[in-house]
PDB file of N, CA and C in Angstrom:
ATOM      1  N   MET A   1       0.826  -1.133  -0.174  1.00  0.00           N
ATOM      2  CA  MET A   1      -0.022  -0.012   0.007  1.00  0.00           C
ATOM      3  C   MET A   1       0.776   1.204  -0.078  1.00  0.00           C
ATOM      4  N   GLU A   2       0.538   2.176  -0.829  1.00  0.00           N
ATOM      5  CA  GLU A   2       1.387   3.338  -0.870  1.00  0.00           C
ATOM      6  C   GLU A   2       0.343   4.643  -0.865  1.00  0.00           C
ATOM      7  N   VAL A   3       0.800   5.310   0.010  1.00  0.00           N
ATOM      8  CA  VAL A   3      -0.016   6.624   0.405  1.00  0.00           C
ATOM      9  C   VAL A   3       0.981   7.901   0.291  1.00  0.00           C
ATOM     10  N   SER A   4       0.468   8.912  -0.353  1.00  0.00           N
ATOM     11  CA  SER A   4       1.222  10.028  -0.634  1.00  0.00           C
ATOM     12  C   SER A   4       0.419  11.434  -0.218  1.00  0.00           C
ATOM     13  N   ALA A   5       1.408  12.261  -0.050  1.00  0.00           N
ATOM     14  CA  ALA A   5       0.864  13.858   0.265  1.00  0.00           C
ATOM     15  C   ALA A   5       1.630  14.755  -0.602  1.00  0.00           C
ATOM     16  N   CYS A   6       1.018  15.653  -0.828  1.00  0.00           N
ATOM     17  CA  CYS A   6       1.832  16.690  -1.620  1.00  0.00           C
ATOM     18  C   CYS A   6       1.705  18.424  -1.244  1.00  0.00           C
ATOM     19  N   LEU A   7       2.504  18.979  -1.417  1.00  0.00           N
ATOM     20  CA  LEU A   7       2.621  20.496  -1.167  1.00  0.00           C
ATOM     21  C   LEU A   7       2.885  21.100  -2.500  1.00  0.00           C
ATOM     22  N   ARG A   8       1.981  21.878  -3.080  1.00  0.00           N
ATOM     23  CA  ARG A   8       2.157  22.584  -4.252  1.00  0.00           C
ATOM     24  C   ARG A   8       2.287  24.118  -4.027  1.00  0.00           C
ATOM     25  N   PHE A   9       3.167  24.524  -5.161  1.00  0.00           N
ATOM     26  CA  PHE A   9       3.648  25.971  -4.901  1.00  0.00           C
ATOM     27  C   PHE A   9       4.339  26.443  -3.743  1.00  0.00           C
ATOM     28  N   ALA A  10       5.240  25.600  -3.163  1.00  0.00           N
ATOM     29  CA  ALA A  10       5.989  26.043  -1.953  1.00  0.00           C
ATOM     30  C   ALA A  10       7.026  27.016  -2.479  1.00  0.00           C
ATOM     31  N   ARG A  11       7.208  28.161  -1.709  1.00  0.00           N
ATOM     32  CA  ARG A  11       7.973  29.324  -2.287  1.00  0.00           C
ATOM     33  C   ARG A  11       9.412  29.034  -1.696  1.00  0.00           C
ATOM     34  N   ILE A  12      10.042  28.063  -2.377  1.00  0.00           N
ATOM     35  CA  ILE A  12      11.608  27.958  -2.282  1.00  0.00           C
ATOM     36  C   ILE A  12      12.009  27.229  -3.250  1.00  0.00           C
ATOM     37  N   SER A  13      13.338  27.375  -3.711  1.00  0.00           N
ATOM     38  CA  SER A  13      13.919  26.878  -4.818  1.00  0.00           C
ATOM     39  C   SER A  13      13.991  25.214  -4.757  1.00  0.00           C
ATOM     40  N   THR A  14      13.792  24.516  -6.010  1.00  0.00           N
ATOM     41  CA  THR A  14      13.968  23.170  -6.154  1.00  0.00           C
ATOM     42  C   THR A  14      15.319  22.723  -5.859  1.00  0.00           C
ATOM     43  N   ARG A  15      16.277  23.400  -6.069  1.00  0.00           N
ATOM     44  CA  ARG A  15      17.611  23.000  -5.727  1.00  0.00           C
ATOM     45  C   ARG A  15      17.714  22.800  -4.195  1.00  0.00           C
ATOM     46  N   LYS A  16      17.430  23.795  -3.514  1.00  0.00           N
ATOM     47  CA  LYS A  16      17.480  23.789  -2.214  1.00  0.00           C
ATOM     48  C   LYS A  16      16.745  22.718  -1.374  1.00  0.00           C
ATOM     49  N   THR A  17      15.411  22.326  -1.939  1.00  0.00           N
ATOM     50  CA  THR A  17      14.698  21.468  -1.585  1.00  0.00           C
ATOM     51  C   THR A  17      15.143  20.027  -1.825  1.00  0.00           C
ATOM     52  N   ARG A  18      15.903  19.684  -2.964  1.00  0.00           N
ATOM     53  CA  ARG A  18      16.232  18.527  -3.126  1.00  0.00           C
ATOM     54  C   ARG A  18      17.399  17.970  -2.297  1.00  0.00           C
ATOM     55  N   LEU A  19      18.216  18.946  -1.739  1.00  0.00           N
ATOM     56  CA  LEU A  19      19.235  18.611  -0.756  1.00  0.00           C
ATOM     57  C   LEU A  19      18.534  17.958   0.493  1.00  0.00           C
ATOM     58  N   ALA A  20      17.566  18.509   0.886  1.00  0.00           N
ATOM     59  CA  ALA A  20      16.970  18.148   1.942  1.00  0.00           C
ATOM     60  C   ALA A  20      16.051  16.677   1.960  1.00  0.00           C
ATOM     61  N   ALA A  21      15.694  16.714   0.628  1.00  0.00           N
ATOM     62  CA  ALA A  21      15.005  15.542   0.309  1.00  0.00           C
ATOM     63  C   ALA A  21      15.824  14.223   0.041  1.00  0.00           C
ATOM     64  N   GLY A  22      16.994  14.287  -0.215  1.00  0.00           N
ATOM     65  CA  GLY A  22      17.847  13.472  -0.231  1.00  0.00           C
ATOM     66  C   GLY A  22      18.275  12.725   1.063  1.00  0.00           C
ATOM     67  N   LEU A  23      18.193  13.435   2.147  1.00  0.00           N
ATOM     68  CA  LEU A  23      18.331  12.882   3.524  1.00  0.00           C
ATOM     69  C   LEU A  23      17.307  11.691   3.818  1.00  0.00           C
ATOM     70  N   ILE A  24      16.095  11.796   3.292  1.00  0.00           N
ATOM     71  CA  ILE A  24      15.020  10.767   3.978  1.00  0.00           C
ATOM     72  C   ILE A  24      14.587   9.701   2.994  1.00  0.00           C
ATOM     73  N   ARG A  25      15.128   9.743   1.575  1.00  0.00           N
ATOM     74  CA  ARG A  25      14.651   8.752   0.774  1.00  0.00           C
ATOM     75  C   ARG A  25      15.281   7.332   1.211  1.00  0.00           C
ATOM     76  N   GLY A  26      14.177   6.349   1.189  1.00  0.00           N
ATOM     77  CA  GLY A  26      14.435   5.121   1.617  1.00  0.00           C
ATOM     78  C   GLY A  26      14.581   4.682   3.251  1.00  0.00           C
ATOM     79  N   ARG A  27      14.349   5.774   3.953  1.00  0.00           N
ATOM     80  CA  ARG A  27      14.408   5.489   5.515  1.00  0.00           C
ATOM     81  C   ARG A  27      12.974   5.151   6.211  1.00  0.00           C
ATOM     82  N   SER A  28      12.877   4.797   7.196  1.00  0.00           N
ATOM     83  CA  SER A  28      11.822   4.498   7.979  1.00  0.00           C
ATOM     84  C   SER A  28      11.206   5.857   8.237  1.00  0.00           C
ATOM     85  N   VAL A  29       9.920   5.836   8.523  1.00  0.00           N
ATOM     86  CA  VAL A  29       9.078   7.186   8.805  1.00  0.00           C
ATOM     87  C   VAL A  29       9.755   7.854  10.060  1.00  0.00           C
ATOM     88  N   GLU A  30       9.930   6.959  11.054  1.00  0.00           N
ATOM     89  CA  GLU A  30      10.550   7.594  12.259  1.00  0.00           C
ATOM     90  C   GLU A  30      11.807   8.323  12.141  1.00  0.00           C
ATOM     91  N   SER A  31      12.499   7.648  11.535  1.00  0.00           N
ATOM     92  CA  SER A  31      14.133   7.959  11.393  1.00  0.00           C
ATOM     93  C   SER A  31      13.910   9.454  10.292  1.00  0.00           C
ATOM     94  N   ALA A  32      13.324   9.333   9.247  1.00  0.00           N
ATOM     95  CA  ALA A  32      12.934  10.531   8.472  1.00  0.00           C
ATOM     96  C   ALA A  32      12.533  11.728   9.220  1.00  0.00           C
ATOM     97  N   ALA A  33      11.590  11.483   9.918  1.00  0.00           N
ATOM     98  CA  ALA A  33      11.008  12.517  10.716  1.00  0.00           C
ATOM     99  C   ALA A  33      11.989  13.208  11.707  1.00  0.00           C
ATOM    100  N   ASN A  34      12.662  12.244  12.558  1.00  0.00           N
ATOM    101  CA  ASN A  34      13.852  12.797  13.190  1.00  0.00           C
ATOM    102  C   ASN A  34      14.902  13.579  12.686  1.00  0.00           C
ATOM    103  N   THR A  35      15.366  13.083  11.542  1.00  0.00           N
ATOM    104  CA  THR A  35      16.403  13.814  10.758  1.00  0.00           C
ATOM    105  C   THR A  35      15.775  15.141  10.197  1.00  0.00           C
ATOM    106  N   LEU A  36      14.525  15.198   9.816  1.00  0.00           N
ATOM    107  CA  LEU A  36      13.957  16.540   9.291  1.00  0.00           C
ATOM    108  C   LEU A  36      13.745  17.533  10.412  1.00  0.00           C
ATOM    109  N   ALA A  37      13.526  16.827  11.558  1.00  0.00           N
ATOM    110  CA  ALA A  37      13.337  17.669  12.794  1.00  0.00           C
ATOM    111  C   ALA A  37      14.641  18.616  13.133  1.00  0.00           C
ATOM    112  N   PHE A  38      15.897  18.017  12.895  1.00  0.00           N
ATOM    113  CA  PHE A  38      16.997  18.295  13.407  1.00  0.00           C
ATOM    114  C   PHE A  38      17.938  18.976  12.237  1.00  0.00           C
ATOM    115  N   THR A  39      17.288  19.255  10.843  1.00  0.00           N
ATOM    116  CA  THR A  39      18.118  19.654   9.925  1.00  0.00           C
ATOM    117  C   THR A  39      17.778  21.148   9.915  1.00  0.00           C
ATOM    118  N   PRO A  40      18.826  22.074   9.961  1.00  0.00           N
ATOM    119  CA  PRO A  40      18.533  23.390   9.980  1.00  0.00           C
ATOM    120  C   PRO A  40      18.288  24.065   8.501  1.00  0.00           C
ATOM    121  N   ARG A  41      17.413  23.623   7.790  1.00  0.00           N
ATOM    122  CA  ARG A  41      16.945  24.067   6.629  1.00  0.00           C
ATOM    123  C   ARG A  41      15.639  24.287   6.543  1.00  0.00           C
ATOM    124  N   ARG A  42      15.055  25.560   5.932  1.00  0.00           N
ATOM    125  CA  ARG A  42      13.771  25.583   5.745  1.00  0.00           C
ATOM    126  C   ARG A  42      13.088  24.595   4.676  1.00  0.00           C
ATOM    127  N   ALA A  43      13.647  23.960   3.886  1.00  0.00           N
ATOM    128  CA  ALA A  43      13.138  23.164   3.205  1.00  0.00           C
ATOM    129  C   ALA A  43      12.997  21.916   3.923  1.00  0.00           C
ATOM    130  N   ALA A  44      13.719  21.494   5.015  1.00  0.00           N
ATOM    131  CA  ALA A  44      13.449  20.355   5.882  1.00  0.00           C
ATOM    132  C   ALA A  44      12.068  20.644   6.703  1.00  0.00           C
ATOM    133  N   GLN A  45      11.891  21.812   6.968  1.00  0.00           N
ATOM    134  CA  GLN A  45      10.630  22.165   7.822  1.00  0.00           C
ATOM    135  C   GLN A  45       9.523  21.846   6.936  1.00  0.00           C
ATOM    136  N   LEU A  46       9.574  22.128   5.720  1.00  0.00           N
ATOM    137  CA  LEU A  46       8.350  22.010   4.495  1.00  0.00           C
ATOM    138  C   LEU A  46       8.327  20.422   4.358  1.00  0.00           C
ATOM    139  N   LEU A  47       9.340  19.784   4.113  1.00  0.00           N
ATOM    140  CA  LEU A  47       9.267  18.382   3.987  1.00  0.00           C
ATOM    141  C   LEU A  47       9.049  17.651   5.125  1.00  0.00           C
ATOM    142  N   GLY A  48       9.001  18.049   6.352  1.00  0.00           N
ATOM    143  CA  GLY A  48       8.565  17.325   7.537  1.00  0.00           C
ATOM    144  C   GLY A  48       7.052  17.474   7.653  1.00  0.00           C
ATOM    145  N   LYS A  49       6.516  18.681   7.246  1.00  0.00           N
ATOM    146  CA  LYS A  49       4.959  18.965   7.222  1.00  0.00           C
ATOM    147  C   LYS A  49       4.401  17.890   6.144  1.00  0.00           C
ATOM    148  N   VAL A  50       5.035  17.685   4.984  1.00  0.00           N
ATOM    149  CA  VAL A  50       4.607  16.826   3.973  1.00  0.00           C
ATOM    150  C   VAL A  50       4.538  15.380   4.534  1.00  0.00           C
ATOM    151  N   LEU A  51       5.590  14.943   5.137  1.00  0.00           N
ATOM    152  CA  LEU A  51       5.880  13.634   5.621  1.00  0.00           C
ATOM    153  C   LEU A  51       4.925  13.531   6.728  1.00  0.00           C
ATOM    154  N   ASN A  52       4.671  14.319   7.672  1.00  0.00           N
ATOM    155  CA  ASN A  52       3.499  14.083   8.539  1.00  0.00           C
ATOM    156  C   ASN A  52       2.232  13.911   8.026  1.00  0.00           C
ATOM    157  N   SER A  53       2.096  14.580   6.951  1.00  0.00           N
ATOM    158  CA  SER A  53       0.623  14.531   6.219  1.00  0.00           C
ATOM    159  C   SER A  53       0.473  13.223   5.695  1.00  0.00           C
ATOM    160  N   ALA A  54       1.550  12.819   4.970  1.00  0.00           N
ATOM    161  CA  ALA A  54       1.559  11.489   4.426  1.00  0.00           C
ATOM    162  C   ALA A  54       1.324  10.235   5.549  1.00  0.00           C
ATOM    163  N   ILE A  55       2.105  10.493   6.495  1.00  0.00           N
ATOM    164  CA  ILE A  55       1.801   9.489   7.653  1.00  0.00           C
ATOM    165  C   ILE A  55       0.280   9.428   8.140  1.00  0.00           C
ATOM    166  N   ALA A  56      -0.282  10.820   8.273  1.00  0.00           N
ATOM    167  CA  ALA A  56      -1.724  10.894   8.958  1.00  0.00           C
ATOM    168  C   ALA A  56      -2.632  10.289   7.753  1.00  0.00           C
ATOM    169  N   ASN A  57      -2.394  10.371   6.623  1.00  0.00           N
ATOM    170  CA  ASN A  57      -3.192   9.788   5.567  1.00  0.00           C
ATOM    171  C   ASN A  57      -3.060   8.347   5.474  1.00  0.00           C
ATOM    172  N   ALA A  58      -2.053   7.813   5.769  1.00  0.00           N
ATOM    173  CA  ALA A  58      -1.842   6.134   5.866  1.00  0.00           C
ATOM    174  C   ALA A  58      -2.601   5.632   7.023  1.00  0.00           C
ATOM    175  N   GLN A  59      -2.337   6.475   8.113  1.00  0.00           N
ATOM    176  CA  GLN A  59      -3.142   5.950   9.397  1.00  0.00           C
ATOM    177  C   GLN A  59      -4.556   6.063   9.330  1.00  0.00           C
ATOM    178  N   THR A  60      -5.115   7.166   8.881  1.00  0.00           N
ATOM    179  CA  THR A  60      -6.648   7.710   8.851  1.00  0.00           C
ATOM    180  C   THR A  60      -7.105   6.721   7.939  1.00  0.00           C
ATOM    181  N   ASN A  61      -6.702   6.913   6.568  1.00  0.00           N
ATOM    182  CA  ASN A  61      -7.562   6.285   5.505  1.00  0.00           C
ATOM    183  C   ASN A  61      -7.214   4.839   5.464  1.00  0.00           C
ATOM    184  N   PHE A  62      -6.165   4.216   5.782  1.00  0.00           N
ATOM    185  CA  PHE A  62      -5.911   2.763   5.538  1.00  0.00           C
ATOM    186  C   PHE A  62      -5.392   1.999   6.808  1.00  0.00           C
ATOM    187  N   GLY A  63      -5.613   2.705   8.115  1.00  0.00           N
ATOM    188  CA  GLY A  63      -5.232   2.077   9.144  1.00  0.00           C
ATOM    189  C   GLY A  63      -3.983   1.304   9.271  1.00  0.00           C
ATOM    190  N   ALA A  64      -2.868   2.029   8.683  1.00  0.00           N
ATOM    191  CA  ALA A  64      -1.377   1.553   8.544  1.00  0.00           C
ATOM    192  C   ALA A  64      -0.961   1.654   9.969  1.00  0.00           C
ATOM    193  N   ASP A  65      -0.083   0.834  10.075  1.00  0.00           N
ATOM    194  CA  ASP A  65       0.899   0.881  11.350  1.00  0.00           C
ATOM    195  C   ASP A  65       2.009   1.632  11.071  1.00  0.00           C
ATOM    196  N   ILE A  66       2.229   2.638  12.037  1.00  0.00           N
ATOM    197  CA  ILE A  66       3.424   3.726  11.755  1.00  0.00           C
ATOM    198  C   ILE A  66       4.900   3.014  11.806  1.00  0.00           C
ATOM    199  N   ASP A  67       5.007   2.010  12.683  1.00  0.00           N
ATOM    200  CA  ASP A  67       6.263   1.402  12.747  1.00  0.00           C
ATOM    201  C   ASP A  67       6.599   0.705  11.409  1.00  0.00           C
ATOM    202  N   GLU A  68       5.890   0.332  10.424  1.00  0.00           N
ATOM    203  CA  GLU A  68       6.087  -0.396   9.359  1.00  0.00           C
ATOM    204  C   GLU A  68       6.276   0.476   8.114  1.00  0.00           C
ATOM    205  N   LEU A  69       6.025   1.839   8.254  1.00  0.00           N
ATOM    206  CA  LEU A  69       5.950   2.519   7.190  1.00  0.00           C
ATOM    207  C   LEU A  69       7.379   3.026   6.794  1.00  0.00           C
ATOM    208  N   ARG A  70       7.845   3.023   5.580  1.00  0.00           N
ATOM    209  CA  ARG A  70       9.107   3.779   4.953  1.00  0.00           C
ATOM    210  C   ARG A  70       8.710   4.822   3.920  1.00  0.00           C
ATOM    211  N   VAL A  71       9.879   5.837   3.902  1.00  0.00           N
ATOM    212  CA  VAL A  71       9.576   6.818   2.587  1.00  0.00           C
ATOM    213  C   VAL A  71      10.067   6.088   1.415  1.00  0.00           C
ATOM    214  N   SER A  72       8.977   5.836   0.627  1.00  0.00           N
ATOM    215  CA  SER A  72       9.507   5.168  -0.694  1.00  0.00           C
ATOM    216  C   SER A  72       9.843   6.069  -1.774  1.00  0.00           C
ATOM    217  N   GLU A  73       9.357   7.317  -1.861  1.00  0.00           N
ATOM    218  CA  GLU A  73       9.486   8.235  -2.825  1.00  0.00           C
ATOM    219  C   GLU A  73       9.414   9.601  -2.397  1.00  0.00           C
ATOM    220  N   VAL A  74      10.223  10.368  -2.824  1.00  0.00           N
ATOM    221  CA  VAL A  74      10.147  11.907  -2.649  1.00  0.00           C
ATOM    222  C   VAL A  74      10.546  12.450  -3.876  1.00  0.00           C
ATOM    223  N   LEU A  75       9.458  13.200  -4.224  1.00  0.00           N
ATOM    224  CA  LEU A  75       9.517  14.020  -5.600  1.00  0.00           C
ATOM    225  C   LEU A  75       9.579  15.397  -5.481  1.00  0.00           C
ATOM    226  N   VAL A  76      10.448  16.274  -5.858  1.00  0.00           N
ATOM    227  CA  VAL A  76      10.575  17.605  -5.979  1.00  0.00           C
ATOM    228  C   VAL A  76      10.639  18.045  -7.253  1.00  0.00           C
ATOM    229  N   ASP A  77       9.702  18.926  -7.660  1.00  0.00           N
ATOM    230  CA  ASP A  77       9.467  19.276  -9.136  1.00  0.00           C
ATOM    231  C   ASP A  77       9.474  20.847  -9.122  1.00  0.00           C
ATOM    232  N   GLU A  78       9.802  21.281 -10.300  1.00  0.00           N
ATOM    233  CA  GLU A  78       9.706  22.761 -10.350  1.00  0.00           C
ATOM    234  C   GLU A  78       8.438  23.334 -10.711  1.00  0.00           C
ATOM    235  N   ALA A  79       7.918  24.413 -10.192  1.00  0.00           N
ATOM    236  CA  ALA A  79       6.557  24.994 -10.439  1.00  0.00           C
ATOM    237  C   ALA A  79       6.899  26.282 -11.166  1.00  0.00           C
ATOM    238  N   LYS A  80       5.962  26.670 -11.681  1.00  0.00           N
ATOM    239  CA  LYS A  80       5.864  27.987 -12.529  1.00  0.00           C
ATOM    240  C   LYS A  80       6.186  29.112 -11.574  1.00  0.00           C
ATOM    241  N   PRO A  81       7.410  29.898 -11.895  1.00  0.00           N
ATOM    242  CA  PRO A  81       8.047  30.736 -10.808  1.00  0.00           C
ATOM    243  C   PRO A  81       7.159  32.074 -10.888  1.00  0.00           C
ATOM    244  N   PHE A  82       7.300  33.012  -9.802  1.00  0.00           N
ATOM    245  CA  PHE A  82       6.716  34.284  -9.791  1.00  0.00           C
ATOM    246  C   PHE A  82       7.731  35.071 -10.768  1.00  0.00           C
ATOM    247  N   ARG A  83       7.212  36.116 -11.578  1.00  0.00           N
ATOM    248  CA  ARG A  83       7.988  36.985 -12.294  1.00  0.00           C
ATOM    249  C   ARG A  83       7.636  38.289 -11.866  1.00  0.00           C
ATOM    250  N   ARG A  84       8.661  39.107 -11.257  1.00  0.00           N
ATOM    251  CA  ARG A  84       8.389  40.323 -10.792  1.00  0.00           C
ATOM    252  C   ARG A  84       9.485  41.173 -11.546  1.00  0.00           C
ATOM    253  N   TYR A  85       9.253  42.633 -11.502  1.00  0.00           N
ATOM    254  CA  TYR A  85       9.962  43.549 -12.237  1.00  0.00           C
ATOM    255  C   TYR A  85      10.503  44.739 -11.239  1.00  0.00           C
ATOM    256  N   ARG A  86      11.816  45.153 -11.319  1.00  0.00           N
ATOM    257  CA  ARG A  86      12.232  46.146 -10.454  1.00  0.00           C
ATOM    258  C   ARG A  86      12.640  47.314 -11.363  1.00  0.00           C
ATOM    259  N   ALA A  87      12.330  48.463 -10.956  1.00  0.00           N
ATOM    260  CA  ALA A  87      12.707  49.731 -11.909  1.00  0.00           C
ATOM    261  C   ALA A  87      14.168  49.770 -12.017  1.00  0.00           C
ATOM    262  N   ARG A  88      14.567  50.158 -13.015  1.00  0.00           N
ATOM    263  CA  ARG A  88      16.095  50.399 -13.262  1.00  0.00           C
ATOM    264  C   ARG A  88      16.378  51.780 -14.041  1.00  0.00           C
ATOM    265  N   ALA A  89      17.481  52.058 -14.288  1.00  0.00           N
ATOM    266  CA  ALA A  89      17.611  53.287 -14.846  1.00  0.00           C
ATOM    267  C   ALA A  89      17.245  53.566 -16.426  1.00  0.00           C
ATOM    268  N   ARG A  90      17.010  54.593 -16.652  1.00  0.00           N
ATOM    269  CA  ARG A  90      16.367  54.882 -18.113  1.00  0.00           C
ATOM    270  C   ARG A  90      15.188  54.395 -18.337  1.00  0.00           C
ATOM    271  N   GLY A  91      14.441  54.145 -17.495  1.00  0.00           N
ATOM    272  CA  GLY A  91      12.868  53.574 -17.823  1.00  0.00           C
ATOM    273  C   GLY A  91      13.104  52.254 -18.072  1.00  0.00           C
ATOM    274  N   ARG A  92      13.932  51.315 -17.833  1.00  0.00           N
ATOM    275  CA  ARG A  92      13.977  49.947 -18.105  1.00  0.00           C
ATOM    276  C   ARG A  92      13.498  49.184 -16.591  1.00  0.00           C
ATOM    277  N   GLY A  93      13.326  47.929 -16.952  1.00  0.00           N
ATOM    278  CA  GLY A  93      12.882  47.198 -15.909  1.00  0.00           C
ATOM    279  C   GLY A  93      13.896  45.859 -15.778  1.00  0.00           C
ATOM    280  N   ALA A  94      14.246  45.391 -14.536  1.00  0.00           N
ATOM    281  CA  ALA A  94      15.088  44.374 -14.596  1.00  0.00           C
ATOM    282  C   ALA A  94      14.135  43.118 -14.029  1.00  0.00           C
ATOM    283  N   ARG A  95      14.246  42.069 -14.570  1.00  0.00           N
ATOM    284  CA  ARG A  95      13.346  40.758 -14.211  1.00  0.00           C
ATOM    285  C   ARG A  95      13.758  39.992 -12.790  1.00  0.00           C
ATOM    286  N   ILE A  96      12.835  39.870 -11.911  1.00  0.00           N
ATOM    287  CA  ILE A  96      13.137  39.203 -10.727  1.00  0.00           C
ATOM    288  C   ILE A  96      12.327  37.904 -10.965  1.00  0.00           C
ATOM    289  N   ILE A  97      13.069  36.604 -10.714  1.00  0.00           N
ATOM    290  CA  ILE A  97      12.479  35.461 -10.777  1.00  0.00           C
ATOM    291  C   ILE A  97      12.355  34.670  -9.435  1.00  0.00           C
ATOM    292  N   LYS A  98      11.262  34.605  -8.953  1.00  0.00           N
ATOM    293  CA  LYS A  98      10.994  33.937  -7.695  1.00  0.00           C
ATOM    294  C   LYS A  98      10.574  32.488  -7.789  1.00  0.00           C
ATOM    295  N   PRO A  99      11.415  31.533  -7.494  1.00  0.00           N
ATOM    296  CA  PRO A  99      10.984  29.988  -8.015  1.00  0.00           C
ATOM    297  C   PRO A  99      10.085  29.559  -6.978  1.00  0.00           C
ATOM    298  N   GLN A 100       9.227  28.408  -7.255  1.00  0.00           N
ATOM    299  CA  GLN A 100       8.477  27.793  -6.640  1.00  0.00           C
ATOM    300  C   GLN A 100       8.660  26.160  -6.926  1.00  0.00           C
ATOM    301  N   THR A 101       8.097  25.424  -5.902  1.00  0.00           N
ATOM    302  CA  THR A 101       8.346  23.966  -5.967  1.00  0.00           C
ATOM    303  C   THR A 101       7.063  23.112  -5.698  1.00  0.00           C
ATOM    304  N   HIS A 102       6.921  22.057  -6.183  1.00  0.00           N
ATOM    305  CA  HIS A 102       5.931  21.097  -5.833  1.00  0.00           C
ATOM    306  C   HIS A 102       6.729  19.929  -5.171  1.00  0.00           C
ATOM    307  N   ILE A 103       6.299  19.739  -3.936  1.00  0.00           N
ATOM    308  CA  ILE A 103       6.825  18.526  -3.097  1.00  0.00           C
ATOM    309  C   ILE A 103       5.943  17.349  -3.005  1.00  0.00           C
ATOM    310  N   SER A 104       6.356  16.077  -3.278  1.00  0.00           N
ATOM    311  CA  SER A 104       5.465  14.946  -3.180  1.00  0.00           C
ATOM    312  C   SER A 104       6.232  13.905  -2.406  1.00  0.00           C
ATOM    313  N   VAL A 105       5.563  13.351  -1.355  1.00  0.00           N
ATOM    314  CA  VAL A 105       6.295  12.321  -0.503  1.00  0.00           C
ATOM    315  C   VAL A 105       5.211  11.083  -0.518  1.00  0.00           C
ATOM    316  N   THR A 106       5.689   9.927  -0.776  1.00  0.00           N
ATOM    317  CA  THR A 106       5.141   8.687  -0.786  1.00  0.00           C
ATOM    318  C   THR A 106       5.784   7.721   0.306  1.00  0.00           C
ATOM    319  N   VAL A 107       4.719   7.157   1.127  1.00  0.00           N
ATOM    320  CA  VAL A 107       5.126   6.422   2.259  1.00  0.00           C
ATOM    321  C   VAL A 107       4.334   4.927   1.814  1.00  0.00           C
ATOM    322  N   SER A 108       5.140   3.725   2.239  1.00  0.00           N
ATOM    323  CA  SER A 108       4.618   2.552   1.850  1.00  0.00           C
ATOM    324  C   SER A 108       5.039   1.603   3.005  1.00  0.00           C
ATOM    325  N   ASP A 109       4.232   0.487   3.039  1.00  0.00           N
ATOM    326  CA  ASP A 109       4.473  -0.626   3.980  1.00  0.00           C
ATOM    327  C   ASP A 109       5.922  -1.221   3.638  1.00  0.00           C
ATOM    328  N   ALA A 110       6.513  -1.426   4.871  1.00  0.00           N
ATOM    329  CA  ALA A 110       7.773  -2.182   4.666  1.00  0.00           C
ATOM    330  C   ALA A 110       7.815  -3.565   4.015  1.00  0.00           C
ATOM    331  N   ALA A 111       6.591  -4.150   4.284  1.00  0.00           N
ATOM    332  CA  ALA A 111       6.572  -5.506   3.798  1.00  0.00           C
ATOM    333  C   ALA A 111       6.151  -5.354   2.342  1.00  0.00           C
ATOM    334  N   ALA A 112       5.305  -4.445   1.859  1.00  0.00           N
ATOM    335  CA  ALA A 112       5.252  -4.323   0.474  1.00  0.00           C
ATOM    336  C   ALA A 112       6.496  -3.914  -0.159  1.00  0.00           C
ATOM    337  N   SER A 113       7.256  -2.877   0.235  1.00  0.00           N
ATOM    338  CA  SER A 113       8.519  -2.570  -0.490  1.00  0.00           C
ATOM    339  C   SER A 113       9.500  -3.635  -0.490  1.00  0.00           C
ATOM    340  N   GLY A 114       9.696  -4.465   0.701  1.00  0.00           N
ATOM    341  CA  GLY A 114      10.599  -5.470   0.774  1.00  0.00           C
ATOM    342  C   GLY A 114      10.236  -6.521  -0.039  1.00  0.00           C
ATOM    343  N   GLY A 115       9.087  -6.951  -0.427  1.00  0.00           N
ATOM    344  CA  GLY A 115       8.538  -7.853  -1.364  1.00  0.00           C
ATOM    345  C   GLY A 115       8.882  -7.548  -2.633  1.00  0.00           C
ATOM    346  N   GLU A 116       8.792  -6.416  -2.942  1.00  0.00           N
ATOM    347  CA  GLU A 116       9.150  -5.935  -4.390  1.00  0.00           C
ATOM    348  C   GLU A 116      10.653  -5.979  -4.563  1.00  0.00           C
ATOM    349  N   ALA A 117      11.333  -5.591  -3.646  1.00  0.00           N
ATOM    350  CA  ALA A 117      12.701  -5.610  -3.575  1.00  0.00           C
ATOM    351  C   ALA A 117      13.360  -7.231  -3.861  1.00  0.00           C
ATOM    352  N   GLY A 118      12.589  -8.049  -3.088  1.00  0.00           N
ATOM    353  CA  GLY A 118      12.892  -9.481  -3.075  1.00  0.00           C
ATOM    354  C   GLY A 118      12.664  -9.964  -4.449  1.00  0.00           C
ATOM    355  N   GLU A 119      11.696  -9.712  -5.314  1.00  0.00           N
ATOM    356  CA  GLU A 119      11.405 -10.057  -6.463  1.00  0.00           C
ATOM    357  C   GLU A 119      12.371  -9.667  -7.673  1.00  0.00           C
ATOM    358  N   GLY A 120      12.787  -8.344  -7.265  1.00  0.00           N
ATOM    359  CA  GLY A 120      13.816  -7.876  -8.437  1.00  0.00           C
ATOM    360  C   GLY A 120      15.185  -8.140  -8.207  1.00  0.00           C
ATOM    361  N   GLU A 121      15.463  -8.904  -7.122  1.00  0.00           N
ATOM    362  CA  GLU A 121      16.814  -9.381  -7.014  1.00  0.00           C
ATOM    363  C   GLU A 121      17.080 -10.679  -7.434  1.00  0.00           C
ATOM    364  N   SER A 122      15.886 -11.570  -7.650  1.00  0.00           N
ATOM    365  CA  SER A 122      16.127 -13.066  -8.278  1.00  0.00           C
ATOM    366  C   SER A 122      16.479 -13.012  -9.630  1.00  0.00           C
TER     367      SER A 122
END
């Protein structure tokens, strides 16, 4: 069973978010939450919220046991950026691009992910 949660149009760059996302891929949910709680990055705080939402979705909608959940997938995609302009000399304007990000976290049962890995290794 795979359960996901997503945060769309987060006001942070994709590059910064991917650094924090790499810390939790493939880990148990408890370990991933602890890692994000003690990582001093704003992206880690956003990822922690999405991870907690995915855990709550699994527990509420499917009755999953938290101890068996693992982070199976973390997707960080680029969203459409804000484009702003700042006045410059001689009536010109300089473009300011403010990046946005879509964050998606998928958690799955350890038994389900372990079974898939066992089949792929044979």
